[in-house]
């Protein structure tokens, strides 16, 4: 639920072209200035880029005070922007005081946000639905066997990356461990601080460290 706005102009400024949630799922918000005050369009992310007819069928009009609607976005982090490419998202200060998550208020590594912002990978971030660690590791092993590169995330904080015949474990944008290809266990990078804390977090995710 959002606090109702006094004018539709305010509603437009705060919510138009942003991601919010409805029934705990991410939705794209469009605010029509011709609508009654506080009425908005919401559409599931995966149909934002769909043909007009399909998008229209999936779009509904709600009031911002609907208890199933929320303007508060979840914590950002890793998203599987492509099959073999991970992006890490950070929230930037939005000078236009958007309440929903705006594409202009996000910084992404590797790929521009415009290439994946309104897609299934953002839905996965919101719903915390990631591939298992083992699936990500298997992808990385196949990659180095084929002299390929790639990265795969298993939660919003961590991912596995393959490059130059090696496999690394990244945690919040930092490479923290390298896979021993003989034992298939990750070994923390020498000199890394806070490994005891990291070990507990990663072992809870099934990571052999």
Protein backbone atom coordinates (compact mmCIF):
# COMPACT_ATOMS: atom_id res chain seq x y z
CA UNK A 1 0.00 0.00 0.00
CA UNK A 2 1.19 3.51 -0.79
CA UNK A 3 0.08 6.72 0.82
CA UNK A 4 -2.37 8.43 -1.57
CA UNK A 5 -1.10 11.49 -3.38
CA UNK A 6 -2.86 14.82 -3.46
CA UNK A 7 -2.45 15.24 -7.21
CA UNK A 8 -2.04 12.85 -10.11
CA UNK A 9 1.05 14.85 -11.08
CA UNK A 10 2.67 13.79 -7.80
CA UNK A 11 1.68 10.20 -8.40
CA UNK A 12 3.22 10.39 -11.87
CA UNK A 13 6.46 11.87 -10.58
CA UNK A 14 6.90 9.24 -7.85
CA UNK A 15 5.75 6.07 -9.58
CA UNK A 16 5.67 6.35 -13.37
CA UNK A 17 8.09 4.00 -15.22
CA UNK A 18 9.17 2.22 -12.04
CA UNK A 19 9.10 -1.28 -10.61
CA UNK A 20 6.94 -1.80 -7.53
CA UNK A 21 5.22 -4.92 -6.19
CA UNK A 22 1.68 -6.24 -6.29
CA UNK A 23 0.81 -9.42 -4.39
CA UNK A 24 4.55 -9.62 -3.59
CA UNK A 25 5.47 -9.87 -7.28
CA UNK A 26 7.31 -7.15 -9.24
CA UNK A 27 5.21 -5.07 -11.61
CA UNK A 28 5.89 -2.24 -14.02
CA UNK A 29 3.96 0.90 -13.10
CA UNK A 30 2.60 3.37 -15.62
CA UNK A 31 0.75 6.47 -14.45
CA UNK A 32 -1.71 8.00 -16.89
CA UNK A 33 -2.23 11.70 -16.23
CA UNK A 34 -5.81 11.44 -17.53
CA UNK A 35 -6.78 8.90 -14.87
CA UNK A 36 -8.46 9.89 -11.60
CA UNK A 37 -5.93 10.77 -8.93
CA UNK A 38 -4.04 7.77 -7.48
CA UNK A 39 -5.15 5.34 -10.20
CA UNK A 40 -2.27 3.54 -11.92
CA UNK A 41 -1.59 0.82 -14.51
CA UNK A 42 0.40 -2.22 -13.36
CA UNK A 43 1.83 -4.93 -15.60
CA UNK A 44 3.95 -8.05 -14.89
CA UNK A 45 7.56 -7.47 -15.90
CA UNK A 46 7.77 -10.38 -18.32
CA UNK A 47 5.07 -8.92 -20.59
CA UNK A 48 6.29 -5.31 -20.63
CA UNK A 49 8.07 -5.93 -23.94
CA UNK A 50 5.34 -8.21 -25.31
CA UNK A 51 3.06 -7.25 -28.23
CA UNK A 52 0.50 -4.59 -27.39
CA UNK A 53 -2.49 -6.96 -27.24
CA UNK A 54 -0.81 -9.38 -24.85
CA UNK A 55 0.47 -6.55 -22.66
CA UNK A 56 -2.99 -4.95 -22.58
CA UNK A 57 -4.61 -8.19 -21.38
CA UNK A 58 -2.09 -8.52 -18.56
CA UNK A 59 -2.40 -4.89 -17.44
CA UNK A 60 -4.78 -3.85 -14.69
CA UNK A 61 -5.77 -0.56 -13.08
CA UNK A 62 -5.51 -0.24 -9.31
CA UNK A 63 -5.52 2.46 -6.66
CA UNK A 64 -2.21 3.16 -4.95
CA UNK A 65 -3.86 2.52 -1.57
CA UNK A 66 -4.62 -1.07 -2.58
CA UNK A 67 -3.23 -3.16 0.33
CA UNK A 68 -1.69 -5.60 -2.17
CA UNK A 69 0.40 -2.84 -3.75
CA UNK A 70 3.77 -1.74 -2.35
CA UNK A 71 6.25 0.90 -3.45
CA UNK A 72 9.12 -0.55 -1.40
CA UNK A 73 11.60 -2.49 -3.57
CA UNK A 74 13.63 -5.43 -2.29
CA UNK A 75 17.36 -5.47 -1.73
CA UNK A 76 19.32 -5.51 -4.97
CA UNK A 77 22.27 -7.73 -5.91
CA UNK A 78 23.11 -10.31 -8.56
CA UNK A 79 20.75 -11.10 -11.44
CA UNK A 80 21.19 -13.65 -14.23
CA UNK A 81 20.84 -11.09 -17.01
CA UNK A 82 21.74 -13.63 -19.71
CA UNK A 83 22.20 -17.40 -19.74
CA UNK A 84 25.93 -17.04 -19.05
CA UNK A 85 26.18 -13.48 -17.77
CA UNK A 86 25.61 -12.15 -14.28
CA UNK A 87 25.07 -8.49 -13.44
CA UNK A 88 25.34 -6.94 -10.02
CA UNK A 89 22.83 -4.17 -9.32
CA UNK A 90 23.26 -1.24 -6.96
CA UNK A 91 20.74 1.44 -6.16
CA UNK A 92 21.77 5.02 -6.88
CA UNK A 93 20.30 8.15 -5.38
CA UNK A 94 17.38 9.28 -7.55
CA UNK A 95 17.24 13.05 -7.74
CA UNK A 96 13.70 12.86 -9.03
CA UNK A 97 12.58 11.21 -5.77
CA UNK A 98 11.07 8.15 -7.39
CA UNK A 99 9.46 5.82 -4.87
CA UNK A 100 9.45 2.73 -7.07
CA UNK A 101 12.67 1.35 -8.51
CA UNK A 102 13.60 3.33 -11.62
CA UNK A 103 15.97 2.21 -14.35
CA UNK A 104 17.73 5.54 -13.85
CA UNK A 105 18.36 4.78 -10.19
CA UNK A 106 20.23 1.51 -10.85
CA UNK A 107 23.88 0.90 -11.63
CA UNK A 108 24.67 -2.46 -13.22
CA UNK A 109 27.95 -4.17 -13.97
CA UNK A 110 28.73 -5.77 -17.36
CA UNK A 111 25.42 -5.03 -19.16
CA UNK A 112 23.26 -1.91 -19.41
CA UNK A 113 20.09 -2.16 -17.26
CA UNK A 114 17.96 -1.39 -20.31
CA UNK A 115 18.81 -4.82 -21.74
CA UNK A 116 17.19 -6.76 -18.90
CA UNK A 117 15.42 -4.42 -16.46
CA UNK A 118 11.88 -5.44 -17.44
CA UNK A 119 12.48 -9.18 -17.63
CA UNK A 120 12.22 -12.52 -15.85
CA UNK A 121 15.61 -12.07 -14.18
CA UNK A 122 14.27 -9.10 -12.22
CA UNK A 123 11.30 -11.21 -11.18
CA UNK A 124 13.76 -13.86 -9.94
CA UNK A 125 15.53 -11.21 -7.87
CA UNK A 126 12.28 -10.07 -6.27
CA UNK A 127 11.06 -13.59 -5.54
CA UNK A 128 14.49 -14.93 -4.56
CA UNK A 129 14.26 -17.73 -7.13
CA UNK A 130 17.78 -18.63 -8.18
CA UNK A 131 19.41 -21.75 -9.60
CA UNK A 132 21.12 -23.96 -7.03
CA UNK A 133 24.80 -23.55 -6.29
CA UNK A 134 25.51 -26.98 -7.79
CA UNK A 135 23.80 -26.03 -11.06
CA UNK A 136 25.91 -22.87 -11.25
CA UNK A 137 29.10 -24.81 -10.52
CA UNK A 138 28.26 -27.39 -13.20
CA UNK A 139 27.81 -24.57 -15.72
CA UNK A 140 31.20 -23.13 -14.76
CA UNK A 141 32.93 -26.52 -15.07
CA UNK A 142 31.45 -27.03 -18.54
CA UNK A 143 32.61 -23.54 -19.49
CA UNK A 144 36.27 -24.06 -18.57
CA UNK A 145 36.27 -27.48 -20.25
CA UNK A 146 35.22 -25.72 -23.44
CA UNK A 147 37.59 -22.78 -22.94
CA UNK A 148 34.62 -20.48 -22.44
CA UNK A 149 33.83 -17.76 -19.94
CA UNK A 150 30.66 -17.02 -18.00
CA UNK A 151 29.07 -16.32 -14.66
CA UNK A 152 26.06 -17.73 -12.80
CA UNK A 153 24.43 -16.50 -9.58
CA UNK A 154 22.85 -18.70 -6.94
CA UNK A 155 21.54 -15.88 -4.73
CA UNK A 156 21.52 -12.08 -4.73
CA UNK A 157 24.84 -11.98 -2.84
CA UNK A 158 27.00 -14.59 -4.59
CA UNK A 159 27.89 -16.04 -7.97
CA UNK A 160 30.31 -18.43 -9.65
CA UNK A 161 32.43 -17.20 -12.57
CA UNK A 162 34.61 -19.04 -15.07
CA UNK A 163 37.50 -17.43 -16.93
CA UNK A 164 40.96 -18.39 -18.19
CA UNK A 165 40.55 -22.00 -17.10
CA UNK A 166 39.75 -21.06 -13.48
CA UNK A 167 36.57 -20.83 -11.43
CA UNK A 168 36.04 -18.14 -8.84
CA UNK A 169 33.44 -17.51 -6.18
CA UNK A 170 32.29 -13.90 -5.96
CA UNK A 171 30.52 -12.38 -2.99
CA UNK A 172 29.01 -8.91 -3.34
CA UNK A 173 31.18 -8.06 -6.37
CA UNK A 174 34.43 -9.33 -4.85
CA UNK A 175 36.26 -12.54 -5.78
CA UNK A 176 36.66 -14.31 -2.43
CA UNK A 177 37.67 -17.87 -3.35
CA UNK A 178 39.10 -19.99 -6.16
CA UNK A 179 38.04 -23.55 -6.95
CA UNK A 180 40.61 -26.28 -6.46
CA UNK A 181 39.93 -28.36 -9.57
CA UNK A 182 41.30 -31.51 -7.93
CA UNK A 183 39.26 -31.44 -4.72
CA UNK A 184 36.36 -29.36 -6.14
CA UNK A 185 36.46 -27.23 -3.02
CA UNK A 186 36.78 -23.46 -2.95
CA UNK A 187 39.82 -22.03 -1.22
CA UNK A 188 39.69 -18.49 0.10
CA UNK A 189 42.01 -16.02 -1.57
CA UNK A 190 45.09 -15.41 0.54
CA UNK A 191 44.91 -12.33 2.74
CA UNK A 192 41.13 -12.09 2.59
CA UNK A 193 39.58 -10.81 5.81
CA UNK A 194 36.37 -12.03 7.44
CA UNK A 195 36.67 -15.58 6.10
CA UNK A 196 35.09 -17.15 9.21
CA UNK A 197 31.90 -15.16 8.65
CA UNK A 198 31.95 -15.85 4.91
CA UNK A 199 32.51 -19.56 5.45
CA UNK A 200 29.34 -19.83 7.54
CA UNK A 201 27.25 -17.89 5.01
CA UNK A 202 28.54 -19.87 2.03
CA UNK A 203 28.27 -23.27 3.70
CA UNK A 204 24.62 -22.52 4.41
CA UNK A 205 24.24 -22.22 0.61
CA UNK A 206 25.89 -25.59 0.05
CA UNK A 207 29.23 -24.14 -1.09
CA UNK A 208 32.20 -26.43 -0.29
CA UNK A 209 34.71 -24.07 1.37
